[in-house]
Structures are given as C-alpha cells and as structure tokens.
C-alpha atoms as a PDB file:
ATOM      1  CA  UNK A   1      -3.153 -33.659  31.069  1.00  0.00           C
ATOM      2  CA  UNK A   2      -6.091 -31.352  31.967  1.00  0.00           C
ATOM      3  CA  UNK A   3      -5.533 -27.646  30.886  1.00  0.00           C
ATOM      4  CA  UNK A   4      -8.485 -25.614  32.469  1.00  0.00           C
ATOM      5  CA  UNK A   5      -9.588 -22.206  30.849  1.00  0.00           C
ATOM      6  CA  UNK A   6     -11.477 -19.480  32.956  1.00  0.00           C
ATOM      7  CA  UNK A   7     -12.661 -16.455  31.391  1.00  0.00           C
ATOM      8  CA  UNK A   8     -14.303 -13.183  31.961  1.00  0.00           C
ATOM      9  CA  UNK A   9     -17.978 -13.284  30.970  1.00  0.00           C
ATOM     10  CA  UNK A  10     -18.537  -9.752  31.972  1.00  0.00           C
ATOM     11  CA  UNK A  11     -21.272  -7.327  30.385  1.00  0.00           C
ATOM     12  CA  UNK A  12     -18.866  -5.575  28.034  1.00  0.00           C
ATOM     13  CA  UNK A  13     -18.027  -6.755  24.507  1.00  0.00           C
ATOM     14  CA  UNK A  14     -14.547  -7.705  25.560  1.00  0.00           C
ATOM     15  CA  UNK A  15     -16.145  -9.968  28.307  1.00  0.00           C
ATOM     16  CA  UNK A  16     -18.234 -11.570  25.577  1.00  0.00           C
ATOM     17  CA  UNK A  17     -15.126 -12.030  23.478  1.00  0.00           C
ATOM     18  CA  UNK A  18     -13.140 -13.620  26.163  1.00  0.00           C
ATOM     19  CA  UNK A  19     -16.050 -15.927  27.006  1.00  0.00           C
ATOM     20  CA  UNK A  20     -16.654 -16.967  23.368  1.00  0.00           C
ATOM     21  CA  UNK A  21     -13.043 -17.610  22.772  1.00  0.00           C
ATOM     22  CA  UNK A  22     -12.780 -19.941  25.945  1.00  0.00           C
ATOM     23  CA  UNK A  23     -15.976 -21.768  24.629  1.00  0.00           C
ATOM     24  CA  UNK A  24     -14.331 -22.196  21.187  1.00  0.00           C
ATOM     25  CA  UNK A  25     -11.077 -23.427  22.680  1.00  0.00           C
ATOM     26  CA  UNK A  26     -13.117 -25.847  24.662  1.00  0.00           C
ATOM     27  CA  UNK A  27     -14.796 -27.159  21.570  1.00  0.00           C
ATOM     28  CA  UNK A  28     -11.641 -27.339  19.684  1.00  0.00           C
ATOM     29  CA  UNK A  29     -10.065 -29.489  22.314  1.00  0.00           C
ATOM     30  CA  UNK A  30      -7.345 -27.244  23.406  1.00  0.00           C
ATOM     31  CA  UNK A  31      -8.449 -27.247  27.038  1.00  0.00           C
ATOM     32  CA  UNK A  32     -11.526 -27.335  29.064  1.00  0.00           C
ATOM     33  CA  UNK A  33     -13.447 -24.294  30.106  1.00  0.00           C
ATOM     34  CA  UNK A  34     -14.622 -24.343  33.753  1.00  0.00           C
ATOM     35  CA  UNK A  35     -16.885 -22.092  35.791  1.00  0.00           C
ATOM     36  CA  UNK A  36     -15.244 -19.033  37.441  1.00  0.00           C
ATOM     37  CA  UNK A  37     -18.257 -18.582  39.813  1.00  0.00           C
ATOM     38  CA  UNK A  38     -17.621 -22.050  41.002  1.00  0.00           C
ATOM     39  CA  UNK A  39     -14.150 -21.105  42.147  1.00  0.00           C
ATOM     40  CA  UNK A  40     -15.487 -18.107  44.061  1.00  0.00           C
ATOM     41  CA  UNK A  41     -18.237 -20.431  45.556  1.00  0.00           C
ATOM     42  CA  UNK A  42     -15.583 -22.953  46.466  1.00  0.00           C
ATOM     43  CA  UNK A  43     -17.734 -25.732  44.593  1.00  0.00           C
ATOM     44  CA  UNK A  44     -15.532 -28.667  45.327  1.00  0.00           C
ATOM     45  CA  UNK A  45     -15.662 -30.370  41.715  1.00  0.00           C
ATOM     46  CA  UNK A  46     -14.676 -27.348  40.055  1.00  0.00           C
ATOM     47  CA  UNK A  47     -11.910 -26.440  42.730  1.00  0.00           C
ATOM     48  CA  UNK A  48     -10.372 -29.980  42.554  1.00  0.00           C
ATOM     49  CA  UNK A  49     -10.372 -29.852  38.673  1.00  0.00           C
ATOM     50  CA  UNK A  50      -8.373 -26.586  38.912  1.00  0.00           C
ATOM     51  CA  UNK A  51      -6.022 -28.046  41.426  1.00  0.00           C
ATOM     52  CA  UNK A  52      -5.249 -30.938  39.310  1.00  0.00           C
ATOM     53  CA  UNK A  53      -4.784 -28.990  36.010  1.00  0.00           C
ATOM     54  CA  UNK A  54      -1.403 -29.167  34.280  1.00  0.00           C
ATOM     55  CA  UNK A  55      -2.315 -25.511  33.439  1.00  0.00           C
ATOM     56  CA  UNK A  56      -4.630 -22.838  34.001  1.00  0.00           C
ATOM     57  CA  UNK A  57      -5.434 -20.008  31.539  1.00  0.00           C
ATOM     58  CA  UNK A  58      -7.341 -16.851  32.683  1.00  0.00           C
ATOM     59  CA  UNK A  59      -8.739 -14.775  29.985  1.00  0.00           C
ATOM     60  CA  UNK A  60      -9.636 -11.191  30.906  1.00  0.00           C
ATOM     61  CA  UNK A  61     -11.393  -8.708  28.637  1.00  0.00           C
ATOM     62  CA  UNK A  62     -10.080  -5.560  30.479  1.00  0.00           C
ATOM     63  CA  UNK A  63      -7.432  -4.335  32.802  1.00  0.00           C
ATOM     64  CA  UNK A  64      -9.725  -4.917  35.828  1.00  0.00           C
ATOM     65  CA  UNK A  65      -8.380  -8.533  35.867  1.00  0.00           C
ATOM     66  CA  UNK A  66     -11.296 -10.099  37.325  1.00  0.00           C
ATOM     67  CA  UNK A  67     -10.593 -13.546  36.284  1.00  0.00           C
ATOM     68  CA  UNK A  68      -7.008 -13.552  37.359  1.00  0.00           C
ATOM     69  CA  UNK A  69      -7.917 -11.936  40.570  1.00  0.00           C
ATOM     70  CA  UNK A  70     -10.640 -14.236  41.489  1.00  0.00           C
ATOM     71  CA  UNK A  71      -8.344 -17.296  40.928  1.00  0.00           C
ATOM     72  CA  UNK A  72      -5.343 -15.690  42.868  1.00  0.00           C
ATOM     73  CA  UNK A  73      -7.773 -14.819  45.662  1.00  0.00           C
ATOM     74  CA  UNK A  74      -8.834 -18.413  45.751  1.00  0.00           C
ATOM     75  CA  UNK A  75      -5.083 -19.641  46.141  1.00  0.00           C
ATOM     76  CA  UNK A  76      -4.227 -20.275  42.451  1.00  0.00           C
ATOM     77  CA  UNK A  77      -0.905 -18.972  41.790  1.00  0.00           C
ATOM     78  CA  UNK A  78       0.242 -20.521  38.721  1.00  0.00           C
ATOM     79  CA  UNK A  79      -2.245 -18.981  36.299  1.00  0.00           C
ATOM     80  CA  UNK A  80      -1.282 -17.937  32.871  1.00  0.00           C
ATOM     81  CA  UNK A  81      -2.871 -14.647  32.038  1.00  0.00           C
ATOM     82  CA  UNK A  82      -4.428 -13.313  28.687  1.00  0.00           C
ATOM     83  CA  UNK A  83      -5.703  -9.983  28.717  1.00  0.00           C
ATOM     84  CA  UNK A  84      -7.605  -8.956  25.621  1.00  0.00           C
ATOM     85  CA  UNK A  85      -6.951  -5.043  26.026  1.00  0.00           C
ATOM     86  CA  UNK A  86      -3.379  -5.867  25.765  1.00  0.00           C
ATOM     87  CA  UNK A  87      -4.169  -7.242  22.263  1.00  0.00           C
ATOM     88  CA  UNK A  88      -5.701  -4.060  21.059  1.00  0.00           C
ATOM     89  CA  UNK A  89      -9.310  -4.821  22.009  1.00  0.00           C
ATOM     90  CA  UNK A  90     -11.198  -1.993  23.463  1.00  0.00           C
ATOM     91  CA  UNK A  91     -14.204  -2.014  25.731  1.00  0.00           C
ATOM     92  CA  UNK A  92     -17.145  -0.593  23.950  1.00  0.00           C
ATOM     93  CA  UNK A  93     -15.563  -0.839  20.570  1.00  0.00           C
ATOM     94  CA  UNK A  94     -14.949  -4.496  19.901  1.00  0.00           C
ATOM     95  CA  UNK A  95     -16.794  -6.600  17.441  1.00  0.00           C
ATOM     96  CA  UNK A  96     -17.306 -10.084  18.513  1.00  0.00           C
ATOM     97  CA  UNK A  97     -16.872 -12.068  15.261  1.00  0.00           C
ATOM     98  CA  UNK A  98     -15.107 -15.260  14.137  1.00  0.00           C
ATOM     99  CA  UNK A  99     -12.162 -13.102  13.116  1.00  0.00           C
ATOM    100  CA  UNK A 100     -11.819 -11.491  16.554  1.00  0.00           C
ATOM    101  CA  UNK A 101     -12.379 -14.899  18.261  1.00  0.00           C
ATOM    102  CA  UNK A 102      -9.629 -16.617  16.152  1.00  0.00           C
ATOM    103  CA  UNK A 103      -7.128 -13.835  17.075  1.00  0.00           C
ATOM    104  CA  UNK A 104      -7.857 -14.492  20.665  1.00  0.00           C
ATOM    105  CA  UNK A 105      -7.564 -18.314  20.165  1.00  0.00           C
ATOM    106  CA  UNK A 106      -4.054 -17.887  18.455  1.00  0.00           C
ATOM    107  CA  UNK A 107      -2.609 -16.001  21.258  1.00  0.00           C
ATOM    108  CA  UNK A 108      -4.462 -18.200  24.090  1.00  0.00           C
ATOM    109  CA  UNK A 109      -2.940 -21.307  22.587  1.00  0.00           C
ATOM    110  CA  UNK A 110       0.535 -19.970  23.569  1.00  0.00           C
ATOM    111  CA  UNK A 111      -0.605 -20.082  27.222  1.00  0.00           C
ATOM    112  CA  UNK A 112      -2.137 -23.427  27.274  1.00  0.00           C
END
C-alpha cells in the first residue's frame, strides 16, 4: 500500500531538514514523497495519490505546521504529523547533516 510523505520545504534550516529527510525516506523505499504545492493547487494526480494512500505523513520543521495545515485545509484528516521542533531542532540553529537526517528518519518511520 502507498505511504505518502509531504514535507515542509521552507526557507529555514528546519525546513531543509524536513525536505531532505522526506527525500531520503523516499530513496530508502519507506514511502513516496509527494508535492505539497500540488495539494494546494488541487492537481488531480497528486490529490488522488493522497486519497488512495494507506498513510500520510506530514513533516513540519517548525511550530507553524504549514504542511499539516495545508493537508487539513484540503480535506485530509487522517494525517500523521511529525514536527521537528518537537524533536529539539531549532530554527536558525540546526545543521542539516547525515546525522540529523538519520534522527528524523528514525522518528518518521514510526508514523509511516
């Protein structure tokens, strides 16, 4: 079954970490990253993939929760949510490295 991953890709370091972690999860076969802008733009293929998903994971970098809110505002209510700031990553103080990506991935797999 399809597991879809949406992530923050914001301008802050925690957004980059969310994005890079989602890409690595996809490369590792844990799920498939999809375009969050496609959800907002109501792109039919992306919306249909999300609707058919066994699970949806939203990875947000900070407490603004843009990813989760975008999905919820588009009608997706069964969204697993991982917030990197809850894991101790701070906006403006986070190094995006293989170590930080691995930490996010280990937590993300719980939600997939």
